[in-house]
Amino acid sequence: MNKLIITVLAKDRPGIIAHVTQVLFGLECNLENVNQMILQDQFAGFFLVESPPSLDRDNLQTNLDNQTKDTGLVIHVNDLDENNGSAMDNKGDIFLITTIGPDQKGLVARFSAIIARHHGNIINLKAVFKGGPDPRNNVMSYQVWVTPELDSAAMFADLRTKAAELGLDIRIQHKNIFDAINKI
């Protein structure tokens, strides 16, 4: 079986996931992982599938294109290199880093540069900038993979310094602690 990653972009509306997954099911693909989000009025979805041996990347792309004609979906299929391990294959922990405060150009660039300089790996990022006078309308939330080799204290200190310079509140918390505190 082939592992493939499918990217789907479109103006959001009900039924996109249902349509794409029905097509994949009909092609005998096994859905292994899905991540989807709405950015303002735009749908972005990522589908990791295992396809049968008879269905390679090009055939899957053609089938998806044919079965989603006139739907407004933009679909791209890529092979997934199974030999490349995840950045999280080695030992480490996930930390949640959240900033809240006034919107400014370059916030994501500034904070992601600090994380990259310290060799942290951003595994998930959600940034919502609504502007306006209420700084709570502007939130960045990073999930960062931190390995034991990384000087996390130095990275966290640099992030706190940058947040203070920019007038942002920052919270840094181990994911396990966050999950325990926010358990319903």
C-alpha atoms as a PDB file:
ATOM      1  CA  MET A   1       0.000   0.000   0.000  1.00  0.00           C
ATOM      2  CA  ASN A   2       1.027   3.580  -0.700  1.00  0.00           C
ATOM      3  CA  LYS A   3       0.894   6.349   1.883  1.00  0.00           C
ATOM      4  CA  LEU A   4      -0.298   9.622   0.411  1.00  0.00           C
ATOM      5  CA  ILE A   5      -1.106  13.049   1.765  1.00  0.00           C
ATOM      6  CA  ILE A   6      -3.994  14.941   0.214  1.00  0.00           C
ATOM      7  CA  THR A   7      -4.449  18.689   0.591  1.00  0.00           C
ATOM      8  CA  VAL A   8      -7.908  20.149  -0.032  1.00  0.00           C
ATOM      9  CA  LEU A   9      -8.613  23.893  -0.237  1.00  0.00           C
ATOM     10  CA  ALA A  10     -11.953  25.585  -0.949  1.00  0.00           C
ATOM     11  CA  LYS A  11     -14.403  28.222   0.154  1.00  0.00           C
ATOM     12  CA  ASP A  12     -15.988  26.690   3.246  1.00  0.00           C
ATOM     13  CA  ARG A  13     -19.408  25.091   3.068  1.00  0.00           C
ATOM     14  CA  PRO A  14     -21.103  22.041   4.606  1.00  0.00           C
ATOM     15  CA  GLY A  15     -20.208  18.627   3.185  1.00  0.00           C
ATOM     16  CA  ILE A  16     -16.587  19.045   2.041  1.00  0.00           C
ATOM     17  CA  ILE A  17     -15.214  16.377   4.384  1.00  0.00           C
ATOM     18  CA  ALA A  18     -18.140  14.062   3.620  1.00  0.00           C
ATOM     19  CA  HIS A  19     -17.577  14.402  -0.135  1.00  0.00           C
ATOM     20  CA  VAL A  20     -13.799  13.882  -0.041  1.00  0.00           C
ATOM     21  CA  THR A  21     -13.965  10.939   2.370  1.00  0.00           C
ATOM     22  CA  GLN A  22     -16.763   9.270   0.355  1.00  0.00           C
ATOM     23  CA  VAL A  23     -14.560   9.453  -2.761  1.00  0.00           C
ATOM     24  CA  LEU A  24     -11.578   8.063  -0.842  1.00  0.00           C
ATOM     25  CA  PHE A  25     -13.708   5.250   0.611  1.00  0.00           C
ATOM     26  CA  GLY A  26     -15.011   4.410  -2.859  1.00  0.00           C
ATOM     27  CA  LEU A  27     -11.401   4.142  -4.067  1.00  0.00           C
ATOM     28  CA  GLU A  28     -10.626   1.729  -1.191  1.00  0.00           C
ATOM     29  CA  CYS A  29      -8.296   4.170   0.555  1.00  0.00           C
ATOM     30  CA  ASN A  30      -7.807   3.795   4.277  1.00  0.00           C
ATOM     31  CA  LEU A  31      -8.016   7.153   6.053  1.00  0.00           C
ATOM     32  CA  GLU A  32      -5.253   7.279   8.699  1.00  0.00           C
ATOM     33  CA  ASN A  33      -5.268  10.880   9.811  1.00  0.00           C
ATOM     34  CA  VAL A  34      -7.225  14.073   9.111  1.00  0.00           C
ATOM     35  CA  ASN A  35      -6.623  17.642  10.119  1.00  0.00           C
ATOM     36  CA  GLN A  36      -8.909  20.403   8.941  1.00  0.00           C
ATOM     37  CA  MET A  37      -9.524  24.016   9.780  1.00  0.00           C
ATOM     38  CA  ILE A  38     -11.447  27.047   8.694  1.00  0.00           C
ATOM     39  CA  LEU A  39      -9.485  30.259   8.133  1.00  0.00           C
ATOM     40  CA  GLN A  40     -12.094  33.018   7.928  1.00  0.00           C
ATOM     41  CA  ASP A  41     -14.292  31.582   5.148  1.00  0.00           C
ATOM     42  CA  GLN A  42     -11.717  29.188   3.671  1.00  0.00           C
ATOM     43  CA  PHE A  43     -11.558  25.422   4.254  1.00  0.00           C
ATOM     44  CA  ALA A  44      -8.147  23.742   4.484  1.00  0.00           C
ATOM     45  CA  GLY A  45      -7.969  19.988   4.984  1.00  0.00           C
ATOM     46  CA  PHE A  46      -5.162  17.455   5.126  1.00  0.00           C
ATOM     47  CA  PHE A  47      -5.917  13.773   4.700  1.00  0.00           C
ATOM     48  CA  LEU A  48      -3.294  11.061   5.233  1.00  0.00           C
ATOM     49  CA  VAL A  49      -4.379   7.903   3.432  1.00  0.00           C
ATOM     50  CA  GLU A  50      -3.115   4.463   2.611  1.00  0.00           C
ATOM     51  CA  SER A  51      -4.157   3.559  -0.906  1.00  0.00           C
ATOM     52  CA  PRO A  52      -4.389   0.097  -2.443  1.00  0.00           C
ATOM     53  CA  PRO A  53      -1.378  -0.999  -4.554  1.00  0.00           C
ATOM     54  CA  SER A  54      -3.307  -0.405  -7.775  1.00  0.00           C
ATOM     55  CA  LEU A  55      -3.812   3.287  -6.933  1.00  0.00           C
ATOM     56  CA  ASP A  56      -0.669   5.404  -7.144  1.00  0.00           C
ATOM     57  CA  ARG A  57      -0.405   9.158  -6.608  1.00  0.00           C
ATOM     58  CA  ASP A  58      -1.192  10.112 -10.209  1.00  0.00           C
ATOM     59  CA  ASN A  59      -4.218   7.790 -10.425  1.00  0.00           C
ATOM     60  CA  LEU A  60      -5.570   9.065  -7.121  1.00  0.00           C
ATOM     61  CA  GLN A  61      -5.115  12.677  -8.255  1.00  0.00           C
ATOM     62  CA  THR A  62      -6.970  11.942 -11.502  1.00  0.00           C
ATOM     63  CA  ASN A  63      -9.800  10.151  -9.673  1.00  0.00           C
ATOM     64  CA  LEU A  64     -10.189  12.957  -7.152  1.00  0.00           C
ATOM     65  CA  ASP A  65     -10.148  15.593  -9.904  1.00  0.00           C
ATOM     66  CA  ASN A  66     -12.803  13.711 -11.897  1.00  0.00           C
ATOM     67  CA  GLN A  67     -15.051  13.076  -8.901  1.00  0.00           C
ATOM     68  CA  THR A  68     -14.860  16.614  -7.541  1.00  0.00           C
ATOM     69  CA  LYS A  69     -15.300  18.508 -10.823  1.00  0.00           C
ATOM     70  CA  ASP A  70     -17.320  21.704 -10.487  1.00  0.00           C
ATOM     71  CA  THR A  71     -17.187  21.596  -6.667  1.00  0.00           C
ATOM     72  CA  GLY A  72     -14.638  24.384  -6.254  1.00  0.00           C
ATOM     73  CA  LEU A  73     -12.257  22.055  -4.428  1.00  0.00           C
ATOM     74  CA  VAL A  74      -8.555  22.454  -5.114  1.00  0.00           C
ATOM     75  CA  ILE A  75      -6.943  19.091  -4.394  1.00  0.00           C
ATOM     76  CA  HIS A  76      -3.286  18.104  -4.431  1.00  0.00           C
ATOM     77  CA  VAL A  77      -1.922  14.608  -3.776  1.00  0.00           C
ATOM     78  CA  ASN A  78       1.656  13.924  -2.663  1.00  0.00           C
ATOM     79  CA  ASP A  79       3.529  10.730  -1.867  1.00  0.00           C
ATOM     80  CA  LEU A  80       4.474  10.409   1.776  1.00  0.00           C
ATOM     81  CA  ASP A  81       8.027   9.227   2.290  1.00  0.00           C
ATOM     82  CA  GLU A  82       7.614   6.423   4.820  1.00  0.00           C
ATOM     83  CA  ASN A  83      11.365   6.324   5.482  1.00  0.00           C
ATOM     84  CA  ASN A  84      11.415   9.859   6.844  1.00  0.00           C
ATOM     85  CA  GLY A  85      10.553   9.704  10.515  1.00  0.00           C
ATOM     86  CA  SER A  86       8.659  12.357  12.359  1.00  0.00           C
ATOM     87  CA  ALA A  87      10.562  15.067  14.174  1.00  0.00           C
ATOM     88  CA  MET A  88       8.869  13.644  17.262  1.00  0.00           C
ATOM     89  CA  ASP A  89      10.343  10.136  16.885  1.00  0.00           C
ATOM     90  CA  ASN A  90      12.990  10.962  19.465  1.00  0.00           C
ATOM     91  CA  LYS A  91      12.383  11.714  23.136  1.00  0.00           C
ATOM     92  CA  GLY A  92      10.854  15.022  24.052  1.00  0.00           C
ATOM     93  CA  ASP A  93       7.830  16.877  25.352  1.00  0.00           C
ATOM     94  CA  ILE A  94       5.172  19.171  23.989  1.00  0.00           C
ATOM     95  CA  PHE A  95       4.894  22.646  25.471  1.00  0.00           C
ATOM     96  CA  LEU A  96       2.011  25.037  24.865  1.00  0.00           C
ATOM     97  CA  ILE A  97       3.069  28.625  24.317  1.00  0.00           C
ATOM     98  CA  THR A  98       0.265  31.183  24.173  1.00  0.00           C
ATOM     99  CA  THR A  99       0.519  34.924  23.666  1.00  0.00           C
ATOM    100  CA  ILE A 100      -2.318  37.395  24.019  1.00  0.00           C
ATOM    101  CA  GLY A 101      -2.105  41.084  23.243  1.00  0.00           C
ATOM    102  CA  PRO A 102      -2.224  43.806  20.643  1.00  0.00           C
ATOM    103  CA  ASP A 103      -1.917  42.763  17.008  1.00  0.00           C
ATOM    104  CA  GLN A 104       1.312  43.787  15.311  1.00  0.00           C
ATOM    105  CA  LYS A 105       2.843  42.832  11.998  1.00  0.00           C
ATOM    106  CA  GLY A 106       5.422  40.088  12.250  1.00  0.00           C
ATOM    107  CA  LEU A 107       4.314  38.443  15.488  1.00  0.00           C
ATOM    108  CA  VAL A 108       4.354  34.903  14.119  1.00  0.00           C
ATOM    109  CA  ALA A 109       7.653  35.565  12.328  1.00  0.00           C
ATOM    110  CA  ARG A 110       9.292  36.916  15.489  1.00  0.00           C
ATOM    111  CA  PHE A 111       8.178  34.122  17.804  1.00  0.00           C
ATOM    112  CA  SER A 112       8.733  31.283  15.332  1.00  0.00           C
ATOM    113  CA  ALA A 113      12.268  32.609  14.686  1.00  0.00           C
ATOM    114  CA  ILE A 114      13.089  32.325  18.386  1.00  0.00           C
ATOM    115  CA  ILE A 115      11.711  28.793  18.529  1.00  0.00           C
ATOM    116  CA  ALA A 116      13.654  27.810  15.386  1.00  0.00           C
ATOM    117  CA  ARG A 117      16.895  29.387  16.662  1.00  0.00           C
ATOM    118  CA  HIS A 118      16.659  27.125  19.721  1.00  0.00           C
ATOM    119  CA  HIS A 119      15.783  24.087  17.538  1.00  0.00           C
ATOM    120  CA  GLY A 120      12.240  23.747  18.857  1.00  0.00           C
ATOM    121  CA  ASN A 121       9.783  22.242  16.401  1.00  0.00           C
ATOM    122  CA  ILE A 122       6.377  23.897  16.015  1.00  0.00           C
ATOM    123  CA  ILE A 123       3.965  21.001  15.554  1.00  0.00           C
ATOM    124  CA  ASN A 124       0.792  23.072  15.664  1.00  0.00           C
ATOM    125  CA  LEU A 125       0.081  26.784  15.448  1.00  0.00           C
ATOM    126  CA  LYS A 126      -3.147  28.686  15.685  1.00  0.00           C
ATOM    127  CA  ALA A 127      -3.029  32.452  15.351  1.00  0.00           C
ATOM    128  CA  VAL A 128      -6.187  34.542  15.396  1.00  0.00           C
ATOM    129  CA  PHE A 129      -5.880  38.273  14.816  1.00  0.00           C
ATOM    130  CA  LYS A 130      -9.175  40.133  14.935  1.00  0.00           C
ATOM    131  CA  GLY A 131      -7.661  43.560  15.607  1.00  0.00           C
ATOM    132  CA  GLY A 132      -9.643  46.182  17.463  1.00  0.00           C
ATOM    133  CA  PRO A 133      -9.125  47.612  20.914  1.00  0.00           C
ATOM    134  CA  ASP A 134      -9.596  44.342  22.853  1.00  0.00           C
ATOM    135  CA  PRO A 135      -6.208  42.591  22.997  1.00  0.00           C
ATOM    136  CA  ARG A 136      -7.943  39.303  23.891  1.00  0.00           C
ATOM    137  CA  ASN A 137      -9.037  39.211  20.253  1.00  0.00           C
ATOM    138  CA  ASN A 138      -5.425  38.559  19.240  1.00  0.00           C
ATOM    139  CA  VAL A 139      -4.117  35.151  20.297  1.00  0.00           C
ATOM    140  CA  MET A 140      -1.242  32.959  19.119  1.00  0.00           C
ATOM    141  CA  SER A 141      -1.073  29.404  20.406  1.00  0.00           C
ATOM    142  CA  TYR A 142       1.921  27.227  19.575  1.00  0.00           C
ATOM    143  CA  GLN A 143       2.487  23.578  20.367  1.00  0.00           C
ATOM    144  CA  VAL A 144       6.253  23.116  20.411  1.00  0.00           C
ATOM    145  CA  TRP A 145       8.166  19.829  20.496  1.00  0.00           C
ATOM    146  CA  VAL A 146      11.098  20.213  22.886  1.00  0.00           C
ATOM    147  CA  THR A 147      13.826  17.567  23.026  1.00  0.00           C
ATOM    148  CA  PRO A 148      16.153  17.028  26.021  1.00  0.00           C
ATOM    149  CA  GLU A 149      19.094  18.399  23.986  1.00  0.00           C
ATOM    150  CA  LEU A 150      17.346  21.739  23.582  1.00  0.00           C
ATOM    151  CA  ASP A 151      18.022  24.431  26.217  1.00  0.00           C
ATOM    152  CA  SER A 152      14.340  24.992  26.963  1.00  0.00           C
ATOM    153  CA  ALA A 153      15.023  27.447  29.796  1.00  0.00           C
ATOM    154  CA  ALA A 154      16.946  29.714  27.388  1.00  0.00           C
ATOM    155  CA  MET A 155      14.244  29.436  24.720  1.00  0.00           C
ATOM    156  CA  PHE A 156      11.487  30.223  27.213  1.00  0.00           C
ATOM    157  CA  ALA A 157      13.486  33.202  28.550  1.00  0.00           C
ATOM    158  CA  ASP A 158      13.944  34.554  25.008  1.00  0.00           C
ATOM    159  CA  LEU A 159      10.217  34.136  24.312  1.00  0.00           C
ATOM    160  CA  ARG A 160       9.299  35.937  27.538  1.00  0.00           C
ATOM    161  CA  THR A 161      11.707  38.780  26.726  1.00  0.00           C
ATOM    162  CA  LYS A 162      10.215  39.209  23.239  1.00  0.00           C
ATOM    163  CA  ALA A 163       6.664  39.119  24.637  1.00  0.00           C
ATOM    164  CA  ALA A 164       7.534  41.841  27.169  1.00  0.00           C
ATOM    165  CA  GLU A 165       9.117  43.992  24.417  1.00  0.00           C
ATOM    166  CA  LEU A 166       5.921  43.707  22.372  1.00  0.00           C
ATOM    167  CA  GLY A 167       3.471  44.200  25.252  1.00  0.00           C
ATOM    168  CA  LEU A 168       2.094  40.656  25.089  1.00  0.00           C
ATOM    169  CA  ASP A 169       1.036  38.326  27.874  1.00  0.00           C
ATOM    170  CA  ILE A 170       2.718  34.947  27.469  1.00  0.00           C
ATOM    171  CA  ARG A 171       1.984  31.583  29.046  1.00  0.00           C
ATOM    172  CA  ILE A 172       4.284  28.590  28.709  1.00  0.00           C
ATOM    173  CA  GLN A 173       3.032  25.249  29.991  1.00  0.00           C
ATOM    174  CA  HIS A 174       3.864  21.577  29.575  1.00  0.00           C
ATOM    175  CA  LYS A 175       1.043  19.903  27.618  1.00  0.00           C
ATOM    176  CA  ASN A 176       0.418  17.317  30.353  1.00  0.00           C
ATOM    177  CA  ILE A 177      -0.111  20.070  32.935  1.00  0.00           C
ATOM    178  CA  PHE A 178      -2.358  21.981  30.538  1.00  0.00           C
ATOM    179  CA  ASP A 179      -4.417  18.851  29.853  1.00  0.00           C
ATOM    180  CA  ALA A 180      -4.752  18.053  33.583  1.00  0.00           C
ATOM    181  CA  ILE A 181      -5.842  21.593  34.471  1.00  0.00           C
ATOM    182  CA  ASN A 182      -8.325  21.807  31.606  1.00  0.00           C
ATOM    183  CA  LYS A 183      -9.791  18.316  31.975  1.00  0.00           C
ATOM    184  CA  ILE A 184     -13.559  18.395  31.927  1.00  0.00           C
END
